[in-house]
PDB file of N, CA and C in Angstrom:
ATOM      1  N   MET A   1       0.839  -1.177   0.000  1.00  0.00           N
ATOM      2  CA  MET A   1       0.000   0.000   0.000  1.00  0.00           C
ATOM      3  C   MET A   1       0.882   1.237   0.000  1.00  0.00           C
ATOM      4  N   PHE A   2       0.374   2.284  -0.646  1.00  0.00           N
ATOM      5  CA  PHE A   2       1.062   3.567  -0.712  1.00  0.00           C
ATOM      6  C   PHE A   2       0.120   4.656  -0.229  1.00  0.00           C
ATOM      7  N   PHE A   3       0.601   5.508   0.616  1.00  0.00           N
ATOM      8  CA  PHE A   3      -0.164   6.668   1.063  1.00  0.00           C
ATOM      9  C   PHE A   3       0.415   7.887   0.371  1.00  0.00           C
ATOM     10  N   ILE A   4      -0.409   8.625  -0.323  1.00  0.00           N
ATOM     11  CA  ILE A   4       0.050   9.810  -1.034  1.00  0.00           C
ATOM     12  C   ILE A   4      -0.636  11.031  -0.441  1.00  0.00           C
ATOM     13  N   ASP A   5       0.173  11.938   0.060  1.00  0.00           N
ATOM     14  CA  ASP A   5      -0.332  13.189   0.622  1.00  0.00           C
ATOM     15  C   ASP A   5      -0.053  14.277  -0.409  1.00  0.00           C
ATOM     16  N   LEU A   6      -1.095  14.840  -0.950  1.00  0.00           N
ATOM     17  CA  LEU A   6      -0.966  15.787  -2.058  1.00  0.00           C
ATOM     18  C   LEU A   6      -0.198  17.051  -1.710  1.00  0.00           C
ATOM     19  N   ASN A   7      -0.224  17.452  -0.457  1.00  0.00           N
ATOM     20  CA  ASN A   7       0.451  18.696  -0.097  1.00  0.00           C
ATOM     21  C   ASN A   7       1.445  18.525   1.053  1.00  0.00           C
ATOM     22  N   GLY A   8       1.939  17.314   1.241  1.00  0.00           N
ATOM     23  CA  GLY A   8       2.959  17.066   2.258  1.00  0.00           C
ATOM     24  C   GLY A   8       2.479  17.336   3.670  1.00  0.00           C
ATOM     25  N   ALA A   9       3.306  18.015   4.441  1.00  0.00           N
ATOM     26  CA  ALA A   9       3.015  18.237   5.854  1.00  0.00           C
ATOM     27  C   ALA A   9       1.896  19.251   6.095  1.00  0.00           C
ATOM     28  N   LEU A  10       1.524  20.008   5.083  1.00  0.00           N
ATOM     29  CA  LEU A  10       0.432  20.965   5.255  1.00  0.00           C
ATOM     30  C   LEU A  10      -0.880  20.235   5.501  1.00  0.00           C
ATOM     31  N   GLY A  11      -1.779  20.850   6.237  1.00  0.00           N
ATOM     32  CA  GLY A  11      -3.067  20.245   6.559  1.00  0.00           C
ATOM     33  C   GLY A  11      -3.976  20.143   5.361  1.00  0.00           C
ATOM     34  N   PRO A  12      -5.069  19.457   5.490  1.00  0.00           N
ATOM     35  CA  PRO A  12      -5.588  18.897   6.737  1.00  0.00           C
ATOM     36  C   PRO A  12      -5.066  17.502   7.059  1.00  0.00           C
ATOM     37  N   ASN A  13      -4.332  16.867   6.126  1.00  0.00           N
ATOM     38  CA  ASN A  13      -3.794  15.529   6.349  1.00  0.00           C
ATOM     39  C   ASN A  13      -4.887  14.534   6.744  1.00  0.00           C
ATOM     40  N   ARG A  14      -5.923  14.498   5.922  1.00  0.00           N
ATOM     41  CA  ARG A  14      -7.060  13.595   6.147  1.00  0.00           C
ATOM     42  C   ARG A  14      -7.321  12.780   4.891  1.00  0.00           C
ATOM     43  N   PHE A  15      -7.616  11.486   5.117  1.00  0.00           N
ATOM     44  CA  PHE A  15      -7.978  10.625   4.003  1.00  0.00           C
ATOM     45  C   PHE A  15      -9.187  11.187   3.280  1.00  0.00           C
ATOM     46  N   GLY A  16      -9.106  11.158   1.967  1.00  0.00           N
ATOM     47  CA  GLY A  16     -10.217  11.638   1.151  1.00  0.00           C
ATOM     48  C   GLY A  16     -10.147  13.109   0.823  1.00  0.00           C
ATOM     49  N   ARG A  17      -9.327  13.836   1.541  1.00  0.00           N
ATOM     50  CA  ARG A  17      -9.163  15.268   1.258  1.00  0.00           C
ATOM     51  C   ARG A  17      -7.826  15.544   0.594  1.00  0.00           C
ATOM     52  N   ASP A  18      -6.754  15.230   1.301  1.00  0.00           N
ATOM     53  CA  ASP A  18      -5.433  15.428   0.688  1.00  0.00           C
ATOM     54  C   ASP A  18      -4.535  14.203   0.823  1.00  0.00           C
ATOM     55  N   VAL A  19      -5.023  13.151   1.456  1.00  0.00           N
ATOM     56  CA  VAL A  19      -4.296  11.890   1.579  1.00  0.00           C
ATOM     57  C   VAL A  19      -5.129  10.789   0.927  1.00  0.00           C
ATOM     58  N   PHE A  20      -4.483  10.025   0.037  1.00  0.00           N
ATOM     59  CA  PHE A  20      -5.173   8.962  -0.681  1.00  0.00           C
ATOM     60  C   PHE A  20      -4.339   7.696  -0.627  1.00  0.00           C
ATOM     61  N   ILE A  21      -5.005   6.535  -0.678  1.00  0.00           N
ATOM     62  CA  ILE A  21      -4.329   5.247  -0.577  1.00  0.00           C
ATOM     63  C   ILE A  21      -4.378   4.543  -1.928  1.00  0.00           C
ATOM     64  N   PHE A  22      -3.230   3.988  -2.309  1.00  0.00           N
ATOM     65  CA  PHE A  22      -3.115   3.196  -3.525  1.00  0.00           C
ATOM     66  C   PHE A  22      -2.440   1.881  -3.168  1.00  0.00           C
ATOM     67  N   ALA A  23      -2.602   0.885  -4.020  1.00  0.00           N
ATOM     68  CA  ALA A  23      -2.008  -0.426  -3.776  1.00  0.00           C
ATOM     69  C   ALA A  23      -1.658  -1.076  -5.101  1.00  0.00           C
ATOM     70  N   ILE A  24      -0.883  -2.132  -5.029  1.00  0.00           N
ATOM     71  CA  ILE A  24      -0.586  -2.949  -6.199  1.00  0.00           C
ATOM     72  C   ILE A  24      -1.609  -4.085  -6.198  1.00  0.00           C
ATOM     73  N   ASN A  25      -2.358  -4.213  -7.304  1.00  0.00           N
ATOM     74  CA  ASN A  25      -3.380  -5.261  -7.353  1.00  0.00           C
ATOM     75  C   ASN A  25      -2.754  -6.614  -7.665  1.00  0.00           C
ATOM     76  N   ASP A  26      -3.587  -7.651  -7.735  1.00  0.00           N
ATOM     77  CA  ASP A  26      -3.083  -9.006  -7.940  1.00  0.00           C
ATOM     78  C   ASP A  26      -2.448  -9.223  -9.309  1.00  0.00           C
ATOM     79  N   LYS A  27      -2.643  -8.296 -10.236  1.00  0.00           N
ATOM     80  CA  LYS A  27      -2.012  -8.375 -11.552  1.00  0.00           C
ATOM     81  C   LYS A  27      -0.744  -7.528 -11.639  1.00  0.00           C
ATOM     82  N   GLY A  28      -0.390  -6.875 -10.530  1.00  0.00           N
ATOM     83  CA  GLY A  28       0.823  -6.080 -10.496  1.00  0.00           C
ATOM     84  C   GLY A  28       0.662  -4.629 -10.914  1.00  0.00           C
ATOM     85  N   TYR A  29      -0.585  -4.171 -11.035  1.00  0.00           N
ATOM     86  CA  TYR A  29      -0.851  -2.791 -11.446  1.00  0.00           C
ATOM     87  C   TYR A  29      -1.150  -1.911 -10.244  1.00  0.00           C
ATOM     88  N   LEU A  30      -0.712  -0.677 -10.326  1.00  0.00           N
ATOM     89  CA  LEU A  30      -1.052   0.300  -9.304  1.00  0.00           C
ATOM     90  C   LEU A  30      -2.522   0.670  -9.457  1.00  0.00           C
ATOM     91  N   THR A  31      -3.256   0.621  -8.369  1.00  0.00           N
ATOM     92  CA  THR A  31      -4.678   0.946  -8.395  1.00  0.00           C
ATOM     93  C   THR A  31      -5.061   1.644  -7.101  1.00  0.00           C
ATOM     94  N   SER A  32      -6.204   2.246  -7.103  1.00  0.00           N
ATOM     95  CA  SER A  32      -6.694   2.870  -5.879  1.00  0.00           C
ATOM     96  C   SER A  32      -7.088   1.787  -4.883  1.00  0.00           C
ATOM     97  N   TYR A  33      -7.084   2.150  -3.628  1.00  0.00           N
ATOM     98  CA  TYR A  33      -7.403   1.212  -2.555  1.00  0.00           C
ATOM     99  C   TYR A  33      -8.871   1.358  -2.171  1.00  0.00           C
ATOM    100  N   PRO A  34      -9.558   0.280  -1.883  1.00  0.00           N
ATOM    101  CA  PRO A  34      -9.197  -1.120  -1.994  1.00  0.00           C
ATOM    102  C   PRO A  34      -9.533  -1.657  -3.380  1.00  0.00           C
ATOM    103  N   ALA A  35      -8.576  -2.235  -4.043  1.00  0.00           N
ATOM    104  CA  ALA A  35      -8.710  -2.659  -5.437  1.00  0.00           C
ATOM    105  C   ALA A  35      -9.811  -3.692  -5.641  1.00  0.00           C
ATOM    106  N   HIS A  36     -10.114  -4.474  -4.624  1.00  0.00           N
ATOM    107  CA  HIS A  36     -11.112  -5.533  -4.779  1.00  0.00           C
ATOM    108  C   HIS A  36     -12.550  -5.046  -4.571  1.00  0.00           C
ATOM    109  N   ARG A  37     -12.740  -3.786  -4.237  1.00  0.00           N
ATOM    110  CA  ARG A  37     -14.088  -3.277  -3.981  1.00  0.00           C
ATOM    111  C   ARG A  37     -14.727  -2.746  -5.258  1.00  0.00           C
ATOM    112  N   SER A  38     -15.967  -3.116  -5.459  1.00  0.00           N
ATOM    113  CA  SER A  38     -16.714  -2.694  -6.645  1.00  0.00           C
ATOM    114  C   SER A  38     -17.381  -1.341  -6.397  1.00  0.00           C
ATOM    115  N   LEU A  39     -17.927  -0.790  -7.453  1.00  0.00           N
ATOM    116  CA  LEU A  39     -18.679   0.453  -7.316  1.00  0.00           C
ATOM    117  C   LEU A  39     -19.890   0.244  -6.421  1.00  0.00           C
ATOM    118  N   ASN A  40     -20.520  -0.910  -6.500  1.00  0.00           N
ATOM    119  CA  ASN A  40     -21.651  -1.209  -5.609  1.00  0.00           C
ATOM    120  C   ASN A  40     -21.218  -1.200  -4.159  1.00  0.00           C
ATOM    121  N   ASP A  41     -20.031  -1.739  -3.863  1.00  0.00           N
ATOM    122  CA  ASP A  41     -19.511  -1.707  -2.496  1.00  0.00           C
ATOM    123  C   ASP A  41     -19.356  -0.272  -2.017  1.00  0.00           C
ATOM    124  N   LEU A  42     -18.772   0.568  -2.860  1.00  0.00           N
ATOM    125  CA  LEU A  42     -18.562   1.967  -2.476  1.00  0.00           C
ATOM    126  C   LEU A  42     -19.884   2.661  -2.196  1.00  0.00           C
ATOM    127  N   ASN A  43     -20.890   2.370  -3.010  1.00  0.00           N
ATOM    128  CA  ASN A  43     -22.189   3.014  -2.836  1.00  0.00           C
ATOM    129  C   ASN A  43     -22.955   2.477  -1.635  1.00  0.00           C
ATOM    130  N   SER A  44     -22.755   1.211  -1.284  1.00  0.00           N
ATOM    131  CA  SER A  44     -23.504   0.634  -0.168  1.00  0.00           C
ATOM    132  C   SER A  44     -22.796   0.815   1.175  1.00  0.00           C
ATOM    133  N   ILE A  45     -21.478   0.954   1.156  1.00  0.00           N
ATOM    134  CA  ILE A  45     -20.716   1.128   2.401  1.00  0.00           C
ATOM    135  C   ILE A  45     -20.113   2.527   2.379  1.00  0.00           C
ATOM    136  N   LYS A  46     -20.931   3.522   2.428  1.00  0.00           N
ATOM    137  CA  LYS A  46     -20.486   4.907   2.248  1.00  0.00           C
ATOM    138  C   LYS A  46     -19.630   5.428   3.389  1.00  0.00           C
ATOM    139  N   VAL A  47     -19.580   4.740   4.499  1.00  0.00           N
ATOM    140  CA  VAL A  47     -18.839   5.223   5.650  1.00  0.00           C
ATOM    141  C   VAL A  47     -17.352   5.411   5.344  1.00  0.00           C
ATOM    142  N   TYR A  48     -16.812   4.675   4.361  1.00  0.00           N
ATOM    143  CA  TYR A  48     -15.380   4.764   4.077  1.00  0.00           C
ATOM    144  C   TYR A  48     -15.007   5.919   3.159  1.00  0.00           C
ATOM    145  N   CYS A  49     -15.983   6.657   2.694  1.00  0.00           N
ATOM    146  CA  CYS A  49     -15.724   7.887   1.943  1.00  0.00           C
ATOM    147  C   CYS A  49     -16.892   8.825   2.180  1.00  0.00           C
ATOM    148  N   ALA A  50     -17.008   9.255   3.431  1.00  0.00           N
ATOM    149  CA  ALA A  50     -18.117  10.117   3.815  1.00  0.00           C
ATOM    150  C   ALA A  50     -17.643  11.159   4.818  1.00  0.00           C
ATOM    151  N   PRO A  51     -17.968  12.418   4.592  1.00  0.00           N
ATOM    152  CA  PRO A  51     -17.470  13.467   5.485  1.00  0.00           C
ATOM    153  C   PRO A  51     -18.016  13.375   6.903  1.00  0.00           C
ATOM    154  N   ASN A  52     -19.243  12.891   7.075  1.00  0.00           N
ATOM    155  CA  ASN A  52     -19.818  12.843   8.420  1.00  0.00           C
ATOM    156  C   ASN A  52     -19.239  11.715   9.266  1.00  0.00           C
ATOM    157  N   SER A  53     -18.497  10.776   8.652  1.00  0.00           N
ATOM    158  CA  SER A  53     -17.901   9.691   9.432  1.00  0.00           C
ATOM    159  C   SER A  53     -16.437   9.968   9.771  1.00  0.00           C
ATOM    160  N   ASN A  54     -15.877  11.021   9.187  1.00  0.00           N
ATOM    161  CA  ASN A  54     -14.481  11.388   9.408  1.00  0.00           C
ATOM    162  C   ASN A  54     -13.525  10.296   8.922  1.00  0.00           C
ATOM    163  N   VAL A  55     -13.984   9.517   7.947  1.00  0.00           N
ATOM    164  CA  VAL A  55     -13.189   8.438   7.365  1.00  0.00           C
ATOM    165  C   VAL A  55     -13.172   8.639   5.858  1.00  0.00           C
ATOM    166  N   GLY A  56     -12.034   8.403   5.218  1.00  0.00           N
ATOM    167  CA  GLY A  56     -11.983   8.592   3.776  1.00  0.00           C
ATOM    168  C   GLY A  56     -11.019   7.658   3.073  1.00  0.00           C
ATOM    169  N   GLU A  57     -10.780   6.476   3.652  1.00  0.00           N
ATOM    170  CA  GLU A  57      -9.789   5.561   3.091  1.00  0.00           C
ATOM    171  C   GLU A  57     -10.119   5.100   1.681  1.00  0.00           C
ATOM    172  N   TRP A  58     -11.394   5.047   1.312  1.00  0.00           N
ATOM    173  CA  TRP A  58     -11.775   4.538   0.002  1.00  0.00           C
ATOM    174  C   TRP A  58     -12.033   5.633  -1.010  1.00  0.00           C
ATOM    175  N   CYS A  59     -11.765   6.864  -0.699  1.00  0.00           N
ATOM    176  CA  CYS A  59     -12.102   7.974  -1.602  1.00  0.00           C
ATOM    177  C   CYS A  59     -11.322   7.940  -2.915  1.00  0.00           C
ATOM    178  N   ALA A  60     -10.088   7.478  -2.907  1.00  0.00           N
ATOM    179  CA  ALA A  60      -9.342   7.366  -4.160  1.00  0.00           C
ATOM    180  C   ALA A  60     -10.045   6.393  -5.097  1.00  0.00           C
ATOM    181  N   ARG A  61     -10.648   5.347  -4.536  1.00  0.00           N
ATOM    182  CA  ARG A  61     -11.377   4.372  -5.349  1.00  0.00           C
ATOM    183  C   ARG A  61     -12.566   5.036  -6.025  1.00  0.00           C
ATOM    184  N   LYS A  62     -13.275   5.886  -5.297  1.00  0.00           N
ATOM    185  CA  LYS A  62     -14.415   6.598  -5.873  1.00  0.00           C
ATOM    186  C   LYS A  62     -13.948   7.502  -7.019  1.00  0.00           C
ATOM    187  N   ILE A  63     -12.854   8.217  -6.816  1.00  0.00           N
ATOM    188  CA  ILE A  63     -12.334   9.106  -7.865  1.00  0.00           C
ATOM    189  C   ILE A  63     -11.947   8.289  -9.093  1.00  0.00           C
ATOM    190  N   GLU A  64     -11.339   7.122  -8.882  1.00  0.00           N
ATOM    191  CA  GLU A  64     -10.979   6.272 -10.023  1.00  0.00           C
ATOM    192  C   GLU A  64     -12.229   5.833 -10.781  1.00  0.00           C
ATOM    193  N   TYR A  65     -13.255   5.371 -10.059  1.00  0.00           N
ATOM    194  CA  TYR A  65     -14.503   4.959 -10.721  1.00  0.00           C
ATOM    195  C   TYR A  65     -15.156   6.112 -11.476  1.00  0.00           C
ATOM    196  N   ASP A  66     -14.926   7.322 -11.025  1.00  0.00           N
ATOM    197  CA  ASP A  66     -15.497   8.506 -11.689  1.00  0.00           C
ATOM    198  C   ASP A  66     -14.584   9.035 -12.796  1.00  0.00           C
ATOM    199  N   GLY A  67     -13.697   8.193 -13.300  1.00  0.00           N
ATOM    200  CA  GLY A  67     -12.828   8.585 -14.407  1.00  0.00           C
ATOM    201  C   GLY A  67     -11.723   9.537 -13.994  1.00  0.00           C
ATOM    202  N   TRP A  68     -11.260   9.423 -12.750  1.00  0.00           N
ATOM    203  CA  TRP A  68     -10.215  10.276 -12.184  1.00  0.00           C
ATOM    204  C   TRP A  68     -10.637  11.740 -12.151  1.00  0.00           C
ATOM    205  N   LYS A  69     -11.939  11.951 -11.964  1.00  0.00           N
ATOM    206  CA  LYS A  69     -12.481  13.303 -11.799  1.00  0.00           C
ATOM    207  C   LYS A  69     -13.176  13.383 -10.451  1.00  0.00           C
ATOM    208  N   ILE A  70     -13.104  14.554  -9.842  1.00  0.00           N
ATOM    209  CA  ILE A  70     -13.877  14.776  -8.623  1.00  0.00           C
ATOM    210  C   ILE A  70     -15.204  15.384  -9.023  1.00  0.00           C
ATOM    211  N   LYS A  71     -16.238  14.539  -8.995  1.00  0.00           N
ATOM    212  CA  LYS A  71     -17.553  14.957  -9.478  1.00  0.00           C
ATOM    213  C   LYS A  71     -18.354  15.632  -8.358  1.00  0.00           C
ATOM    214  N   ASP A  72     -19.503  16.160  -8.726  1.00  0.00           N
ATOM    215  CA  ASP A  72     -20.345  16.905  -7.781  1.00  0.00           C
ATOM    216  C   ASP A  72     -20.792  16.064  -6.593  1.00  0.00           C
ATOM    217  N   ASP A  73     -20.865  14.736  -6.741  1.00  0.00           N
ATOM    218  CA  ASP A  73     -21.308  13.895  -5.616  1.00  0.00           C
ATOM    219  C   ASP A  73     -20.168  13.474  -4.691  1.00  0.00           C
ATOM    220  N   TYR A  74     -18.951  14.002  -4.944  1.00  0.00           N
ATOM    221  CA  TYR A  74     -17.831  13.695  -4.056  1.00  0.00           C
ATOM    222  C   TYR A  74     -18.144  14.272  -2.691  1.00  0.00           C
ATOM    223  N   PRO A  75     -17.902  13.516  -1.604  1.00  0.00           N
ATOM    224  CA  PRO A  75     -18.374  13.950  -0.276  1.00  0.00           C
ATOM    225  C   PRO A  75     -17.726  15.197   0.307  1.00  0.00           C
ATOM    226  N   TRP A  76     -16.591  15.638  -0.202  1.00  0.00           N
ATOM    227  CA  TRP A  76     -15.986  16.841   0.390  1.00  0.00           C
ATOM    228  C   TRP A  76     -15.947  17.951  -0.602  1.00  0.00           C
TER     229      TRP A  76
END
């Protein structure tokens, strides 16, 4: 797994805002975390990319599913 902080030590240093998780999938490709989760998983288990839960570990996965764009339904 790789943690990427878009702005280094500057805040807010929160998953889904400026920190995103990536991993190497079973085929050896870099992908957003968690690589095994489907779009249905992301939509049904919203707690992992939701501002009211203070958790954002799966937000990179949502951005990838949205064509690497931050769309209007992005939680932050």
